[in-house]
Protein backbone atom coordinates (compact mmCIF):
# COMPACT_ATOMS: atom_id res chain seq x y z
CA MET A 1 37.61 -53.36 -3.98
CA ASN A 2 35.84 -56.70 -4.11
CA ILE A 3 33.96 -57.81 -7.24
CA GLN A 4 31.42 -60.62 -7.05
CA ILE A 5 30.11 -61.96 -10.37
CA THR A 6 26.54 -63.18 -9.98
CA LYS A 7 25.63 -63.99 -13.59
CA GLU A 8 27.55 -64.73 -16.78
CA ASP A 9 25.89 -65.09 -20.19
CA LYS A 10 27.88 -66.25 -23.19
CA LYS A 11 27.00 -64.74 -26.55
CA PRO A 12 29.00 -66.84 -29.07
CA LEU A 13 27.62 -65.13 -32.18
CA LEU A 14 28.70 -61.72 -30.85
CA LYS A 15 31.96 -63.16 -29.47
CA LYS A 16 31.42 -61.78 -25.99
CA ARG A 17 30.37 -62.59 -22.43
CA VAL A 18 27.94 -60.42 -20.48
CA LEU A 19 28.70 -60.22 -16.76
CA THR A 20 26.57 -58.87 -13.93
CA GLY A 21 27.60 -58.63 -10.35
CA LYS A 22 28.24 -56.52 -7.30
CA ILE A 23 31.17 -54.31 -6.31
CA VAL A 24 32.00 -53.66 -2.67
CA TYR A 25 34.50 -50.87 -2.06
CA GLU A 26 35.79 -48.51 0.61
CA GLY A 27 35.96 -44.74 0.29
CA LYS A 28 34.96 -43.08 -2.95
CA THR A 29 33.29 -44.87 -5.82
CA PRO A 30 35.93 -46.48 -8.07
CA THR A 31 36.32 -45.12 -11.59
CA ARG A 32 35.33 -47.05 -14.69
CA MET A 33 39.01 -47.74 -15.44
CA GLU A 34 39.72 -49.01 -11.91
CA ILE A 35 36.74 -51.36 -12.15
CA ARG A 36 37.86 -52.55 -15.58
CA ASP A 37 41.40 -53.31 -14.36
CA GLU A 38 40.18 -55.18 -11.28
CA LEU A 39 37.58 -57.17 -13.25
CA ALA A 40 40.16 -58.13 -15.91
CA LYS A 41 42.45 -59.50 -13.17
CA LYS A 42 39.59 -61.45 -11.59
CA ILE A 43 38.43 -63.17 -14.79
CA ASN A 44 41.88 -63.51 -16.38
CA ALA A 45 41.15 -61.38 -19.45
CA LYS A 46 42.95 -58.57 -21.26
CA LYS A 47 41.80 -55.25 -19.84
CA GLU A 48 41.52 -53.81 -23.38
CA LEU A 49 38.70 -56.29 -24.11
CA VAL A 50 36.63 -55.45 -21.00
CA ILE A 51 33.88 -52.83 -21.29
CA VAL A 52 32.16 -51.60 -18.11
CA LYS A 53 28.63 -50.79 -19.22
CA ARG A 54 27.24 -49.66 -15.88
CA ALA A 55 28.30 -49.32 -12.27
CA LYS A 56 25.22 -48.11 -10.40
CA THR A 57 25.89 -47.24 -6.79
CA TYR A 58 23.47 -47.96 -4.00
CA TYR A 59 22.61 -44.83 -2.00
CA GLY A 60 24.12 -44.81 1.48
CA SER A 61 26.25 -47.91 1.01
CA GLN A 62 29.65 -48.63 -0.37
CA SER A 63 28.53 -51.07 -3.02
CA ALA A 64 27.40 -50.92 -6.61
CA HIS A 65 25.63 -53.04 -9.24
CA LEU A 66 27.98 -53.95 -12.11
CA GLU A 67 27.23 -54.68 -15.76
CA ALA A 68 30.19 -55.44 -18.02
CA GLU A 69 31.02 -57.16 -21.30
CA VAL A 70 34.17 -59.11 -22.15
CA TYR A 71 34.94 -59.58 -25.85
CA ASP A 72 36.90 -62.48 -27.36
CA ASP A 73 39.01 -60.27 -29.62
CA GLU A 74 39.59 -56.65 -30.58
CA ASN A 75 37.88 -56.97 -33.97
CA ALA A 76 34.61 -58.06 -32.34
CA LEU A 77 34.93 -55.22 -29.82
CA LYS A 78 35.30 -52.54 -32.47
CA ALA A 79 32.64 -54.02 -34.74
CA ILE A 80 29.93 -54.27 -32.09
CA GLU A 81 30.57 -51.68 -29.39
CA HIS A 82 29.33 -48.09 -29.69
CA GLU A 83 31.92 -45.42 -30.46
CA TYR A 84 31.27 -43.44 -27.26
CA MET A 85 31.96 -46.53 -25.12
CA LEU A 86 35.23 -47.12 -26.96
CA VAL A 87 36.22 -43.51 -26.25
CA ARG A 88 35.34 -43.90 -22.55
CA HIS A 89 37.59 -46.94 -22.30
CA GLY A 90 40.46 -45.50 -24.33
CA ALA A 91 40.05 -47.88 -27.29
CA ALA A 92 39.26 -45.01 -29.68
CA LYS A 93 39.94 -41.30 -29.86
CA LYS A 94 37.20 -38.72 -29.78
CA GLU A 95 36.88 -36.95 -33.08
CA GLU A 96 36.29 -33.22 -32.89
CA ALA A 97 33.27 -31.96 -34.79
CA LYS A 98 34.39 -29.70 -37.60
CA PRO A 99 32.45 -26.46 -37.96
CA GLU A 100 30.41 -26.44 -41.11
CA GLU A 101 31.12 -23.76 -43.65
CA ALA A 102 28.25 -21.47 -44.46
CA PRO A 103 27.13 -21.67 -48.08
CA ALA A 104 28.23 -18.74 -50.21
CA LYS A 105 25.56 -16.09 -50.61
CA GLU A 106 24.41 -15.34 -54.10
CA GLU A 107 24.69 -11.76 -55.19
CA LYS A 108 21.47 -9.99 -56.14
CA LYS A 109 21.34 -8.21 -59.47
């Protein structure tokens, strides 16, 4: 897998960098975690601080458009990023929805 970063925007107030680029791969489309690990190696960042927002494949080719964010620290990551993205990247656990209890019926007199 080859990752080419085409644009990098720094967001100092949000303590993150927004990366866009292109992925060229062979065989099946790489998973979000494989992309995250490879991107972290390429930019010299901790893989726990890399969030792959989108990897949109091009039909009929073995390449994809990449959008990712790299946070400066874990506190900024957890404060800004949506819960579902944290779950997708293993930074948070999915909470099971508890079934609601039905209200007690009042007896008729």
